[in-house]
């Protein structure tokens, strides 16, 4: 039962962290999850959670590094292999001695071997933490690949160095030559184990194919088993389980892949599965870090062994030493490799590699291997080392989050967004050309216009991505204002019997659609409360209207001409109020932003008066819309091909765009298939295009 409760608590924490991250995008998701982990750890339930380093490495770190190896840019890693090898092995050894000697100076009572063990634990850059930071910071591709490559390889050197430091702590003897030999054997042995397992896996797959027993679920389970098997088998043999899992992942991405329907389906399912699993495991990493922080913090903080202020000084000095030492040896390496002339040009990359060397839960898991006793006597400093390790990890994460955005350039991302905008604009131009040059009837013209509107929404999303955080916040504040005016105006009209229940229900669905389009892209804490908080307040102040709105949504009857006329009147009244409010805010918000919202509202009002507003909702349930939507995707692929051939975008970027188009097309086809039963029930009913049926409106 406790295990089930633990799963529920973690699932709730992961879900909540994702919601909070959307509300407060300026705070990185890992820090939110660490904070939630601390809160869980402070409860009686959290205090009973026992951290098992070996289980943590097997169940969480192994599959994460396996997947990272599978997705690694191998050509880029091989191109920078010298730098990666130096950071993964030489950097760990230098950190071991540098940080170890610093801790020994700050805490002379600690055995030197224990200080070196501490330095070894903090030596490796955490690949999981790097991946989490890279999701929100535009680190240049070269620096990112070096950090990822380092994170994939340096766990083996860090753990091996730590084990030898612990052995020296227990026995009082240490052999540098022996440690080096074992590190080399452990790494090569781990790589060989991963290679053999992937070879066996491919043989098994071939046997299954010969037996005509191919199955997507079965193949997926074999892939899922591979990282766990690689780690456990390697550790059982006595070599590096981490290296084994990484190599298995890297080799998994190699090999000839047949282009068949089965392989395409397997790839889609696998991508979705691993995406969800990686997100969940990443979240568990930082939740565990928070829980362990809460568990090691209290005993040391309340202890009289050292003043709390001195402990904070130690943490800050060690964290500073880590970054200064890392900057020094990376600079020297680049100086030797490329000479003084190129050093200035490479300084930004050096700083990115310095502050990108964040530590993570692997360091804490390694530190937990420290023995509870030495030669039969208690080792009370173990808790102190764990405390300092956990705090230093947290500091490196925070520093990385603060400093890296200043160093990382977003020029590449901006260029990508501009290409997306250009492609979408060309598709819209092609569709408008269809309207101008082809002989289309009213229904066909409406279908093309509906597809154009779909692309215009995507264009608006692309423009939004280019805004600064403050500009995004202003956009959402104005959207929240418009939403509030819409709701108040509609409710007032309904109370005054100026709109029928059918018209009220249709208008409510239109408002809900607008509201959902905003909350899907929550940009700020203020924006969140302006929208969601307003909704809660309205329910509290006007419960009758809330229940009436809920009741009306369940009704199904067609709109008539009177309903449409009433909706138009309410919409025009609301437009007048919105335009007046926007005019009053011209001194508060940017003029161009106000003008955009004014033009958008005037345009939608004109569509309503012309009768095309309702037809857009209805046509989306028609087979003709399917045809035009698929033509839009065809045109988009055509434009992407032209951009690739002309060299305006790389083949890699073109493939990324094609995958997005494929995803949109697949989703659209599925949604269209879901609407077919509704269309069949309406078949043969003669209803004017400007007076949409209730079912058709619901589907829009």
Foldseek 3Di string as FASTA:
>chain_A
DLVVVVVVLLVVLLVVLVLVCLAAVLDFSLVSLLQSLLVLLVDPSLVPDDDALVCLCLVFVLVLLLQLLLPAPVVLCVVCVVLLVCLQAVQLQLQLVLQLVLVCVLPVVDDSLLSSLLSLLLRAQALLLLVSLVVSAQFDPNLSNSNNSSNLRNLLNSLLSNVQSLVCQQPVDHDPVVSVVQSVCQLVLLLVLLVVLLVVLVVVVVVCVVVVNDDLVVNLVSVVVSSSCSLVVSVVVPHHSSSSSSNNSNVVNDDDDDDDPSSVVSVVVNVVVVVVVNSSSSSVFSSVLSSLLNNLVVVVCPDPPDDPVSLVVSLVVSLVSQLVSQLVVSLVVCCVVPNPVCSVVCVLSSNLNSLSSADGSSSLSSLVVRDQAHPPHGDVCSSVSSNSSSSNNVVSSVSSSVPSNVSRDCPVVLLLLVVVLVLLVVLLVVLVVCVVPPDDDPLLNLLSVLLSVVSVVVNVVSVLVPDDLVVNVVLLLLLLVLLVLLVVLLVVCVVVVLADLLLSQLSVVVSVVSLVVDSVNNRHNVSCCSRVVVVVVCCVVPVVVVVSNVVSNPDFWFFDPSNLVSNLVSLVVSLVVSLVVLVVCPVPDPVVSSVVVNVVSVVLNVCSVVLSNQLSLQSLLPVSSLVSNVVSLVSSLVSLVVCCVVVVDDPVSSVVVNVVSVVVNVVSVVLNVVSVVVVVVCPPPDDDSSGHGRVSSVSD
